[in-house]
Amino acid sequence: MSATGKHALIFGVSGISGWSLMNQTLTYPTSTTFRKITGLCNRPLSKEDTLLSDDSRLNIVSGIDLTGSMEEVIGQLKSKVQGVDTVDIVFFCAYIQTSDFQSLRKVNIDLLRTAILAISAVAPNLEAVILQTGGKGYGLEFPKETKVQPPLHEQIPRIPEPWRSNVFYYDQYDLLMELSEDSSWTFSEIRPDGIVGFAPGWNAMNMAYGIAFYLTLHREIYGAGATVAFPGKPHGYRSTHSDTFQDILSKMEIFASLNRDKCPNGSSFNCADGETVSWEQVWPGLCSYFGLVGTEPSDGQVSMEEFARQHSATWNRLAERHGLKKGLFDSHNWGHTHFMLVDFDFDREYSLEKARAAGFTESINTVHGYATVFDRMVQANMIPSFHS
């Protein structure tokens, strides 16, 4: 193993972005690029629970509470993170969901400030910070008010007030710009569209889980070969977007962290699978994974959440029969899945020109990205296998 490999510190490894970063840093771009990988989270998470390879370079540290004071977090980093003074690269994926824009903004700005000030205080050789944001910065939560006009590229101005104050990504970016001015480290911002990904436990925002649960339930009730209409609107079925498979996102973030000459301080990059897609192109392929036939929307459909509620007893019997992990179906955030499949019914495709110009060329077929997530869910006993 190379003595010159990097030490990566990942904030927020219990989510789909952080989990994938742990997975990818083990092998991308080479198996010796990172000599040490430390994943941090607040909730309990064992190495065994992650379903990742038992690699001695990977260390997961739970109980790092970024809502505490900077002094408390510094103390936790010093006492819990082996070799914290050797950290070279920070990936920031930590996030707390709240019920309103104002508290969401405050808590997530504070998380980032505490994390970066704390690690800067204990890691004198820190080189790069990678901030993950997303489409909120393009006003995707307010498409009618802000007049979203794709293709979306990194030079598009920030959305105007009063909606601008609801986007904490801007404040996180400005905070890192301020903190990096007198520091030896630099930062870049990576902007995915809707992330398609797996993590070993419950996720607040995971549309792939909702799709998998929904189609598994359809297969159980109606059998192999049944048709499944897309659970959205006809114009949403044909609108364009740029899904982002979690491993493509991780690779882009790793690329940015290692190529600071091509990704200078304050640089921002879109990240997506590659080809622009619509649900009309993707939905049949997703249904096919479950042995079903995906069709366009039809009149009179019940919502995914209502369908899940109506057939919860069926799911419980299925889960018992296959020995599936308990609680994930019942606690799933159907509101987020509905938001991504139904409410996001407008064109919002990303431009990837800037990332490509910097030299990042990784891509994946979007249906294949979903299928990989579904395979990971099978491995984690979240859904039964349909290909045995």
Foldseek 3Di string as FASTA:
>chain_A
DDPPAAEEEEEDLQDFQNLLLLQQVCQPPHNRNHQAYEYEEADDDDPVLFVHDPDPRYYYFYRQDLVDALVVNLVCCVVTPPPLQRHAEYEYDDADDDDDLVVRLVVVLSSLVSVVVSSVVRHVNHAEYEYEFADVQQVLVPCVVQVRDDPDEDPDDGGDPPSSSSGNVVVNLVVQVVVCPPGNYAYEYEYEYAEAGDGSDADQAHLLLLLQVLLLLVCLPPNAAAEDAQQADQLLQAAKAFYAYSNQRSNLRVVCSVCCVLQPHSHYAYTGQPDIDGNPVQVQLLSVQQNYGYDHHDPPDDHSVVVCVVCVVVVVVQCVVQVADPDRSVPHNSVNNCCVRYVSRHHHYYDRVSVVVSPRDHHDDPSVSSVVRVVVCCVSRHHPHRPD
